């Protein structure tokens, strides 16, 4: 601010952190650097003697029961995960941070080094409640080289689209390869991506992440309407716009030998495809195992008492926003549930009216699958399982997106509030008598 009341704008131009402390380039030997695709965003990098695995979602669904793996991971994927030297997890969304996968890892290798960025929304915010025992999680500041051995180092950076929670990584091996994996990039237009690749001019481009399917039979509608871009189509467009860039559309278990690919971009031996009899696409997902766990919350004691509604939203702490939300519990087909809850929350004053107020206000109607909604409430979980996982249907009047509301419930809800599970346990310890429990809740 200037003395005369004006404002001076200053653009800071710091050095790119990855140019700090450059290494002397060394040649790669055949087989020294290999990229093996597992599934979705999970890849294994063999870098000399080290094996580095990214975003291991290998078991179970993501976003409650909304996303299921499209590809069948290699049969030995869990063995390879548990034998890795280090793991990188980009952010807290469940298609990258998979607790069913990490549970297996923790039982076999609890001391596995797991690296995450120092985001404002912690990646492992739910670790204690999950009962997954991991003892070697390393939260890394942005823009600082992490040395693994003489030739291998990596750097975690903020993602440009979601800097508060998402990250990307630069891996450097013998200074001959720098791959920036941009996670959670939302704009899916093929031309945009093709132009982005053209401007970055990588030697090799591989689209990964996004290989999921709305597999549950009750999600047939969203599966048919949520059409996704084809990785093969994207690579074809890149080849058309920028013929000099080699593209790779991966299959589970396929391996890219980087040295061979860099020496000769036309070398067919640079890519080893899965065996002819390898299973590429999943055809079973253990629906009952995971859906039954969600639905087990339906009969929880707390939902026998309507006062859970007031207590939950008071705990959530979102208010002073002129929005009225109607929440309707439904079955899997989004039909209002007989005996289910149907209630209003006025977030202007955090009240619970029986009808819409007379004042001008925004209105959201949320039809939520009862099992998922009650599971989130019972465990104090984020609402991204509902929203990103396609577990609700939403109507808006007017048709405006309420960023503050969704941002709070999808991202900040359990990070800013007291631990919901611990509070419920305290209530449980005070008394087994329901009227006393809920009198205590009302008092608190």
Protein backbone atom coordinates (compact mmCIF):
# COMPACT_ATOMS: atom_id res chain seq x y z
CA UNK A 1 0.00 0.00 0.00
CA UNK A 2 1.45 3.36 -1.04
CA UNK A 3 1.41 6.54 1.03
CA UNK A 4 -1.14 8.12 -1.32
CA UNK A 5 -3.57 5.26 -0.81
CA UNK A 6 -2.70 3.44 -4.00
CA UNK A 7 -1.82 -0.22 -4.29
CA UNK A 8 1.43 -1.42 -5.79
CA UNK A 9 1.38 -4.89 -7.30
CA UNK A 10 4.60 -6.88 -7.10
CA UNK A 11 5.13 -10.18 -8.89
CA UNK A 12 7.56 -12.49 -7.13
CA UNK A 13 9.63 -14.66 -9.46
CA UNK A 14 11.47 -17.19 -7.30
CA UNK A 15 13.70 -19.81 -8.86
CA UNK A 16 12.05 -23.11 -9.68
CA UNK A 17 13.02 -25.33 -6.73
CA UNK A 18 13.94 -28.29 -8.95
CA UNK A 19 16.82 -26.38 -10.56
CA UNK A 20 18.54 -26.07 -7.18
CA UNK A 21 21.56 -28.30 -6.65
CA UNK A 22 21.79 -29.80 -10.17
CA UNK A 23 23.35 -33.21 -10.69
CA UNK A 24 25.86 -34.25 -13.32
CA UNK A 25 23.92 -36.27 -15.92
CA UNK A 26 24.81 -39.96 -16.21
CA UNK A 27 23.78 -42.49 -18.82
CA UNK A 28 21.12 -45.07 -18.09
CA UNK A 29 21.70 -48.75 -18.62
CA UNK A 30 19.13 -51.08 -20.13
CA UNK A 31 16.72 -52.26 -17.43
CA UNK A 32 17.94 -49.68 -14.91
CA UNK A 33 14.73 -47.61 -14.87
CA UNK A 34 11.42 -49.35 -15.39
CA UNK A 35 7.84 -48.15 -14.96
CA UNK A 36 5.25 -50.84 -14.20
CA UNK A 37 1.59 -49.93 -14.28
CA UNK A 38 -0.58 -51.60 -11.61
CA UNK A 39 -4.02 -49.94 -11.77
CA UNK A 40 -5.69 -46.50 -11.62
CA UNK A 41 -2.98 -44.11 -10.26
CA UNK A 42 -0.75 -46.86 -8.90
CA UNK A 43 2.57 -47.39 -10.66
CA UNK A 44 5.85 -48.90 -9.58
CA UNK A 45 9.12 -47.22 -10.51
CA UNK A 46 12.28 -49.32 -10.49
CA UNK A 47 15.13 -46.84 -10.17
CA UNK A 48 18.41 -48.68 -9.89
CA UNK A 49 18.12 -50.89 -6.81
CA UNK A 50 15.15 -48.97 -5.37
CA UNK A 51 11.45 -49.58 -5.95
CA UNK A 52 9.08 -46.65 -5.54
CA UNK A 53 5.27 -47.10 -5.58
CA UNK A 54 2.75 -44.31 -6.06
CA UNK A 55 -0.85 -44.07 -4.74
CA UNK A 56 -1.57 -47.76 -4.03
CA UNK A 57 -5.31 -48.33 -4.39
CA UNK A 58 -5.29 -52.09 -4.95
CA UNK A 59 -8.18 -53.39 -2.84
CA UNK A 60 -11.79 -52.41 -2.18
CA UNK A 61 -13.80 -49.42 -3.38
CA UNK A 62 -13.11 -45.68 -3.16
CA UNK A 63 -15.51 -42.95 -2.07
CA UNK A 64 -17.59 -45.29 0.08
CA UNK A 65 -18.99 -47.64 -2.58
CA UNK A 66 -19.02 -45.32 -5.58
CA UNK A 67 -15.75 -46.11 -7.40
CA UNK A 68 -14.36 -49.58 -8.07
CA UNK A 69 -11.15 -50.53 -9.86
CA UNK A 70 -11.54 -50.93 -13.60
CA UNK A 71 -8.34 -52.93 -14.07
CA UNK A 72 -7.31 -56.14 -12.35
CA UNK A 73 -3.99 -55.39 -10.62
CA UNK A 74 -1.12 -57.84 -11.20
CA UNK A 75 -1.52 -60.97 -9.09
CA UNK A 76 1.62 -60.18 -7.09
CA UNK A 77 0.80 -56.48 -6.56
CA UNK A 78 0.41 -56.74 -2.76
CA UNK A 79 3.69 -58.64 -2.45
CA UNK A 80 5.42 -55.97 -4.50
CA UNK A 81 3.80 -53.20 -2.46
CA UNK A 82 5.01 -54.74 0.79
CA UNK A 83 8.51 -55.25 -0.65
CA UNK A 84 8.87 -51.68 -1.97
CA UNK A 85 11.51 -49.32 -0.63
CA UNK A 86 9.20 -46.33 -0.32
CA UNK A 87 5.65 -45.20 -1.12
CA UNK A 88 4.33 -41.79 -2.19
CA UNK A 89 0.69 -40.84 -1.61
CA UNK A 90 -0.42 -37.67 -3.35
CA UNK A 91 -3.49 -36.72 -1.33
CA UNK A 92 -6.24 -37.91 0.99
CA UNK A 93 -8.91 -38.99 -1.51
CA UNK A 94 -9.67 -42.67 -1.15
CA UNK A 95 -8.73 -43.57 -4.74
CA UNK A 96 -5.16 -42.58 -3.79
CA UNK A 97 -5.17 -43.15 -0.01
CA UNK A 98 -6.79 -46.58 0.21
CA UNK A 99 -7.25 -47.83 3.76
CA UNK A 100 -8.24 -51.38 2.69
CA UNK A 101 -4.92 -51.55 0.84
CA UNK A 102 -2.94 -49.96 3.65
CA UNK A 103 -4.49 -52.34 6.18
CA UNK A 104 -2.83 -55.26 4.40
CA UNK A 105 0.42 -53.30 4.17
CA UNK A 106 0.34 -52.48 7.90
CA UNK A 107 -0.10 -56.12 8.82
CA UNK A 108 2.96 -57.15 6.80
CA UNK A 109 5.18 -54.05 6.74
CA UNK A 110 4.05 -51.42 9.30
CA UNK A 111 7.41 -49.61 9.08
CA UNK A 112 7.19 -48.98 5.33
CA UNK A 113 8.44 -45.42 4.59
CA UNK A 114 5.43 -43.49 3.26
CA UNK A 115 5.98 -39.95 1.98
CA UNK A 116 3.27 -37.26 1.78
CA UNK A 117 3.38 -33.51 1.26
CA UNK A 118 2.84 -31.02 4.07
CA UNK A 119 -0.62 -29.97 2.84
CA UNK A 120 -2.99 -27.82 4.90
CA UNK A 121 -5.47 -30.71 4.83
CA UNK A 122 -3.35 -33.55 6.24
CA UNK A 123 -3.25 -36.68 4.09
CA UNK A 124 -3.45 -39.07 7.04
CA UNK A 125 -6.08 -37.19 9.06
CA UNK A 126 -8.06 -40.41 9.57
CA UNK A 127 -5.17 -42.73 10.44
CA UNK A 128 -5.83 -43.07 14.18
CA UNK A 129 -9.54 -43.72 13.73
CA UNK A 130 -8.89 -46.21 10.93
CA UNK A 131 -6.96 -48.54 13.26
CA UNK A 132 -4.42 -49.05 10.48
CA UNK A 133 -1.04 -49.21 12.20
CA UNK A 134 1.64 -47.47 10.13
CA UNK A 135 4.71 -46.25 11.96
CA UNK A 136 6.88 -44.52 9.36
CA UNK A 137 4.86 -41.75 7.71
CA UNK A 138 7.05 -38.85 6.59
CA UNK A 139 5.40 -35.46 6.04
CA UNK A 140 7.70 -33.57 3.68
CA UNK A 141 7.91 -29.79 3.13
CA UNK A 142 7.37 -28.65 -0.43
CA UNK A 143 10.17 -27.88 -2.85
CA UNK A 144 13.05 -29.61 -1.05
CA UNK A 145 14.99 -32.50 -2.55
CA UNK A 146 14.68 -35.76 -0.61
CA UNK A 147 17.76 -37.90 -1.22
CA UNK A 148 17.15 -41.65 -1.34
CA UNK A 149 20.60 -42.78 -2.47
CA UNK A 150 23.54 -41.55 -4.51
CA UNK A 151 21.56 -41.27 -7.74
CA UNK A 152 17.89 -41.03 -6.68
CA UNK A 153 16.04 -38.10 -5.20
CA UNK A 154 12.54 -36.67 -5.35
CA UNK A 155 10.69 -33.46 -4.56
CA UNK A 156 7.04 -32.99 -3.59
CA UNK A 157 5.26 -29.86 -4.86
CA UNK A 158 1.82 -28.32 -4.41
CA UNK A 159 -0.68 -29.17 -7.11
CA UNK A 160 -1.67 -26.12 -9.13
CA UNK A 161 -5.40 -26.88 -9.06
CA UNK A 162 -5.90 -27.92 -5.42
CA UNK A 163 -2.83 -26.61 -3.51
CA UNK A 164 -4.49 -26.99 -0.12
CA UNK A 165 -4.69 -30.78 -0.36
CA UNK A 166 -3.20 -32.19 -3.55
CA UNK A 167 0.43 -32.67 -4.51
CA UNK A 168 2.63 -33.67 -7.42
CA UNK A 169 6.07 -35.20 -7.44
CA UNK A 170 9.29 -34.82 -9.40
CA UNK A 171 11.50 -37.90 -9.40
CA UNK A 172 15.12 -37.48 -10.50
CA UNK A 173 17.41 -40.42 -11.21
CA UNK A 174 20.88 -39.78 -12.58
CA UNK A 175 19.50 -36.40 -13.71
CA UNK A 176 18.22 -38.01 -16.90
CA UNK A 177 14.52 -38.15 -16.17
CA UNK A 178 12.11 -35.69 -14.55
CA UNK A 179 8.46 -36.73 -14.42
CA UNK A 180 5.90 -34.39 -12.89
CA UNK A 181 2.75 -36.33 -12.10
CA UNK A 182 -0.11 -33.89 -11.72
CA UNK A 183 -2.81 -35.43 -9.54
CA UNK A 184 -6.50 -34.62 -9.45
CA UNK A 185 -6.42 -32.47 -12.59
CA UNK A 186 -10.06 -31.79 -13.23
CA UNK A 187 -10.29 -30.46 -16.77
CA UNK A 188 -10.67 -33.52 -18.94
CA UNK A 189 -10.88 -32.05 -22.39
CA UNK A 190 -8.69 -34.03 -24.74
CA UNK A 191 -7.47 -30.97 -26.62
CA UNK A 192 -6.50 -29.25 -23.39
CA UNK A 193 -4.46 -32.26 -22.30
CA UNK A 194 -2.93 -32.69 -25.73
CA UNK A 195 -1.90 -29.03 -25.81
CA UNK A 196 -0.52 -29.33 -22.29
CA UNK A 197 1.64 -32.26 -23.33
CA UNK A 198 2.72 -30.35 -26.42
CA UNK A 199 3.84 -27.40 -24.31
CA UNK A 200 5.70 -29.55 -21.75
CA UNK A 201 7.48 -31.57 -24.46
CA UNK A 202 8.15 -34.74 -22.47
CA UNK A 203 9.94 -37.53 -24.29
CA UNK A 204 7.32 -40.05 -23.14
CA UNK A 205 3.74 -39.49 -21.97
CA UNK A 206 1.57 -41.99 -20.10
CA UNK A 207 -1.97 -41.13 -18.91
CA UNK A 208 -2.73 -42.91 -15.66
CA UNK A 209 -5.28 -42.46 -12.85
CA UNK A 210 -8.93 -42.33 -13.78
CA UNK A 211 -9.21 -46.05 -14.43
CA UNK A 212 -12.21 -46.68 -12.22
CA UNK A 213 -15.75 -47.88 -12.85
CA UNK A 214 -19.08 -47.42 -11.09
CA UNK A 215 -19.35 -51.20 -10.87
CA UNK A 216 -22.07 -51.77 -8.30
CA UNK A 217 -25.36 -52.84 -9.99
CA UNK A 218 -27.26 -50.04 -8.27
CA UNK A 219 -24.97 -47.50 -9.99
CA UNK A 220 -25.78 -48.57 -13.53
CA UNK A 221 -27.27 -45.17 -14.35
CA UNK A 222 -24.20 -43.19 -13.33
CA UNK A 223 -21.93 -45.71 -15.06
CA UNK A 224 -23.81 -45.23 -18.33
CA UNK A 225 -23.98 -41.43 -18.09
CA UNK A 226 -20.57 -40.63 -16.59
CA UNK A 227 -18.74 -41.14 -19.87
CA UNK A 228 -14.97 -40.95 -19.52
CA UNK A 229 -12.28 -39.97 -21.98
CA UNK A 230 -10.31 -42.82 -23.46
CA UNK A 231 -6.59 -42.89 -22.74
CA UNK A 232 -6.03 -44.39 -26.17
CA UNK A 233 -7.97 -41.53 -27.80
CA UNK A 234 -5.95 -38.97 -25.86
CA UNK A 235 -2.66 -40.57 -26.92
CA UNK A 236 -3.82 -40.72 -30.54
CA UNK A 237 -4.55 -36.99 -30.42
CA UNK A 238 -1.14 -36.29 -28.88
CA UNK A 239 0.54 -38.36 -31.60
CA UNK A 240 -1.35 -36.33 -34.18
CA UNK A 241 -0.48 -32.93 -32.67
CA UNK A 242 3.07 -33.77 -31.56
CA UNK A 243 4.44 -36.78 -33.46
CA UNK A 244 7.83 -36.61 -31.71
CA UNK A 245 6.40 -37.55 -28.29
CA UNK A 246 6.09 -41.25 -27.55
CA UNK A 247 2.87 -42.22 -25.78
CA UNK A 248 2.09 -45.29 -23.71
CA UNK A 249 -1.38 -46.56 -22.81
CA UNK A 250 -0.66 -48.91 -19.91
CA UNK A 251 -2.16 -52.25 -18.98
CA UNK A 252 -1.82 -53.88 -15.54
CA UNK A 253 1.62 -55.45 -15.26
CA UNK A 254 3.00 -53.78 -18.39
CA UNK A 255 6.55 -52.45 -18.01
CA UNK A 256 8.27 -49.52 -19.69
CA UNK A 257 12.08 -49.70 -19.87
CA UNK A 258 12.98 -46.05 -19.88
CA UNK A 259 16.52 -46.46 -21.18
CA UNK A 260 15.39 -48.32 -24.30
CA UNK A 261 12.53 -45.88 -24.89
CA UNK A 262 14.79 -42.84 -24.64
CA UNK A 263 17.41 -44.25 -26.95
CA UNK A 264 14.90 -45.11 -29.67
CA UNK A 265 11.30 -43.94 -29.37
CA UNK A 266 10.26 -46.49 -32.01
CA UNK A 267 11.79 -49.48 -30.22
CA UNK A 268 8.99 -51.97 -29.64
CA UNK A 269 11.08 -53.81 -27.05
CA UNK A 270 10.93 -50.79 -24.74
CA UNK A 271 7.51 -51.93 -23.54
CA UNK A 272 6.88 -55.39 -22.14
CA UNK A 273 3.18 -56.21 -22.24
CA UNK A 274 1.46 -58.45 -19.69
CA UNK A 275 1.43 -62.19 -20.43
CA UNK A 276 -1.16 -63.23 -22.99
CA UNK A 277 -3.27 -64.91 -20.33
CA UNK A 278 -3.10 -62.00 -17.87
CA UNK A 279 -6.42 -60.62 -16.69
CA UNK A 280 -6.73 -56.96 -17.68
CA UNK A 281 -10.17 -55.89 -16.47
CA UNK A 282 -11.80 -56.74 -13.18
CA UNK A 283 -15.05 -58.70 -13.25
CA UNK A 284 -15.66 -59.08 -9.50
CA UNK A 285 -15.33 -56.59 -6.66
CA UNK A 286 -16.40 -58.19 -3.33
CA UNK A 287 -19.42 -55.89 -3.17
CA UNK A 288 -20.98 -57.49 -0.12
CA UNK A 289 -17.85 -57.24 2.01
CA UNK A 290 -17.64 -53.44 1.67
CA UNK A 291 -21.31 -52.52 1.25
CA UNK A 292 -22.30 -54.61 4.27
CA UNK A 293 -19.77 -52.71 6.37
CA UNK A 294 -21.35 -49.41 5.31
CA UNK A 295 -24.88 -50.67 5.90
CA UNK A 296 -23.99 -51.94 9.36
CA UNK A 297 -24.16 -48.31 10.49
CA UNK A 298 -27.89 -48.14 9.72
CA UNK A 299 -28.89 -49.96 12.91
CA UNK A 300 -26.51 -48.06 15.19
CA UNK A 301 -28.00 -46.99 18.52
CA UNK A 302 -27.54 -43.26 17.91
CA UNK A 303 -29.95 -43.22 14.97
CA UNK A 304 -32.81 -44.38 17.17
CA UNK A 305 -32.90 -40.89 18.64
CA UNK A 306 -33.72 -37.90 16.41
CA UNK A 307 -31.52 -35.66 18.54
CA UNK A 308 -28.51 -37.04 16.64
CA UNK A 309 -29.36 -34.58 13.87
CA UNK A 310 -28.99 -31.45 15.98
CA UNK A 311 -25.92 -32.78 17.72
CA UNK A 312 -24.14 -33.84 14.51
CA UNK A 313 -24.59 -30.55 12.66
CA UNK A 314 -23.73 -28.55 15.76
CA UNK A 315 -20.53 -30.59 15.98
CA UNK A 316 -19.90 -29.98 12.26
CA UNK A 317 -19.86 -26.25 13.00
CA UNK A 318 -20.93 -24.80 9.64
CA UNK A 319 -23.18 -21.73 10.00
CA UNK A 320 -23.68 -18.03 9.17
CA UNK A 321 -24.43 -18.99 5.58
CA UNK A 322 -27.84 -18.33 4.01
CA UNK A 323 -28.53 -21.89 2.91
CA UNK A 324 -31.33 -24.29 3.78
CA UNK A 325 -30.60 -27.96 3.23
CA UNK A 326 -33.14 -30.76 3.20
CA UNK A 327 -31.63 -34.20 3.77
CA UNK A 328 -33.67 -37.27 2.82
CA UNK A 329 -32.48 -40.79 3.59
CA UNK A 330 -33.10 -43.16 0.68
CA UNK A 331 -32.60 -46.73 -0.46
CA UNK A 332 -30.10 -47.67 -3.17
CA UNK A 333 -32.45 -46.37 -5.89
CA UNK A 334 -32.74 -42.95 -4.18
CA UNK A 335 -36.33 -43.61 -3.18
CA UNK A 336 -37.14 -42.01 0.21
CA UNK A 337 -36.79 -44.67 2.87
CA UNK A 338 -39.83 -45.70 4.85
CA UNK A 339 -38.98 -44.82 8.43
CA UNK A 340 -35.89 -42.90 7.33
CA UNK A 341 -35.06 -39.38 8.40
CA UNK A 342 -36.21 -36.37 6.39
CA UNK A 343 -35.10 -33.10 7.97
CA UNK A 344 -34.16 -29.46 7.33
CA UNK A 345 -31.02 -27.65 8.45
CA UNK A 346 -30.89 -23.85 8.26
CA UNK A 347 -27.22 -22.95 8.15
CA UNK A 348 -27.83 -19.25 8.65
CA UNK A 349 -28.39 -19.76 12.38
CA UNK A 350 -27.85 -23.54 12.56
CA UNK A 351 -31.45 -24.27 13.39
CA UNK A 352 -33.67 -27.19 12.41
CA UNK A 353 -37.01 -25.82 11.18
CA UNK A 354 -40.01 -27.90 10.13
CA UNK A 355 -40.60 -25.80 6.99
CA UNK A 356 -38.73 -23.40 4.72
CA UNK A 357 -38.37 -19.87 6.14
CA UNK A 358 -40.07 -16.86 4.58
CA UNK A 359 -36.85 -14.99 3.89
CA UNK A 360 -35.04 -15.24 0.57
CA UNK A 361 -32.58 -18.13 0.77
CA UNK A 362 -30.75 -20.77 -1.23
CA UNK A 363 -32.07 -24.31 -1.04
CA UNK A 364 -30.42 -27.70 -1.49
CA UNK A 365 -32.23 -31.01 -1.45
CA UNK A 366 -29.96 -33.99 -0.83
CA UNK A 367 -31.19 -37.54 -1.27
CA UNK A 368 -28.50 -39.66 0.42
CA UNK A 369 -28.20 -43.42 0.46
CA UNK A 370 -28.90 -44.29 4.07
CA UNK A 371 -26.00 -46.70 4.60
CA UNK A 372 -23.36 -44.27 3.37
CA UNK A 373 -24.85 -41.24 5.14
CA UNK A 374 -25.12 -42.97 8.49
CA UNK A 375 -21.65 -44.46 8.17
CA UNK A 376 -20.19 -40.97 7.58
CA UNK A 377 -22.08 -39.60 10.56
CA UNK A 378 -21.17 -42.52 12.81
CA UNK A 379 -17.46 -42.17 12.06
CA UNK A 380 -17.20 -38.41 11.51
CA UNK A 381 -16.03 -38.89 7.93
CA UNK A 382 -15.78 -36.48 5.00
CA UNK A 383 -18.74 -36.02 2.69
CA UNK A 384 -16.62 -36.62 -0.41
CA UNK A 385 -17.76 -40.25 -0.09
CA UNK A 386 -21.28 -38.98 -0.78
CA UNK A 387 -20.49 -36.31 -3.35
CA UNK A 388 -17.56 -37.67 -5.36
CA UNK A 389 -18.76 -41.24 -4.81
CA UNK A 390 -22.14 -40.57 -6.48
CA UNK A 391 -24.01 -41.65 -3.33
CA UNK A 392 -26.54 -38.85 -3.43
CA UNK A 393 -28.80 -36.93 -5.77
CA UNK A 394 -28.90 -33.15 -5.50
CA UNK A 395 -31.37 -30.48 -6.57
CA UNK A 396 -30.70 -26.75 -6.13
CA UNK A 397 -32.86 -23.64 -6.05
CA UNK A 398 -31.41 -21.48 -7.46
CA UNK A 399 -28.99 -23.60 -9.45
CA UNK A 400 -25.84 -22.32 -7.73
CA UNK A 401 -22.87 -24.28 -6.45
CA UNK A 402 -22.29 -23.54 -2.76
CA UNK A 403 -18.53 -23.83 -2.52
CA UNK A 404 -18.27 -22.86 1.15
CA UNK A 405 -20.77 -25.54 2.19
CA UNK A 406 -19.23 -28.35 0.18
CA UNK A 407 -15.69 -27.29 0.96
CA UNK A 408 -16.44 -27.52 4.68
CA UNK A 409 -18.17 -30.90 4.60
CA UNK A 410 -15.93 -32.49 1.96
CA UNK A 411 -12.57 -31.25 3.16
CA UNK A 412 -12.46 -29.54 6.54
CA UNK A 413 -15.20 -31.18 8.59
CA UNK A 414 -13.15 -33.64 10.67
CA UNK A 415 -9.98 -31.54 10.57
CA UNK A 416 -11.38 -28.60 12.51
CA UNK A 417 -13.78 -30.32 14.90
CA UNK A 418 -13.27 -32.43 18.05
CA UNK A 419 -13.00 -36.16 17.37
CA UNK A 420 -16.55 -37.44 16.90
CA UNK A 421 -15.68 -41.06 17.65
CA UNK A 422 -13.94 -40.17 20.91
CA UNK A 423 -16.93 -38.14 21.98
CA UNK A 424 -19.32 -40.98 21.25
CA UNK A 425 -17.10 -43.29 23.29
CA UNK A 426 -17.19 -40.84 26.20
CA UNK A 427 -20.96 -40.78 25.97
CA UNK A 428 -21.02 -44.57 25.88
CA UNK A 429 -18.80 -44.78 28.96
CA UNK A 430 -21.00 -42.40 30.94
CA UNK A 431 -24.08 -44.53 30.67
CA UNK A 432 -25.63 -47.37 28.74
CA UNK A 433 -29.04 -45.81 29.30
CA UNK A 434 -30.19 -44.07 26.12
CA UNK A 435 -32.24 -41.22 27.72
CA UNK A 436 -29.26 -40.30 29.91
CA UNK A 437 -26.91 -40.44 26.93
CA UNK A 438 -28.97 -38.08 24.86
CA UNK A 439 -29.66 -35.77 27.77
CA UNK A 440 -25.87 -35.51 28.06
CA UNK A 441 -25.55 -34.84 24.32
CA UNK A 442 -28.14 -32.07 24.54
CA UNK A 443 -26.29 -30.53 27.49
CA UNK A 444 -22.96 -30.60 25.65
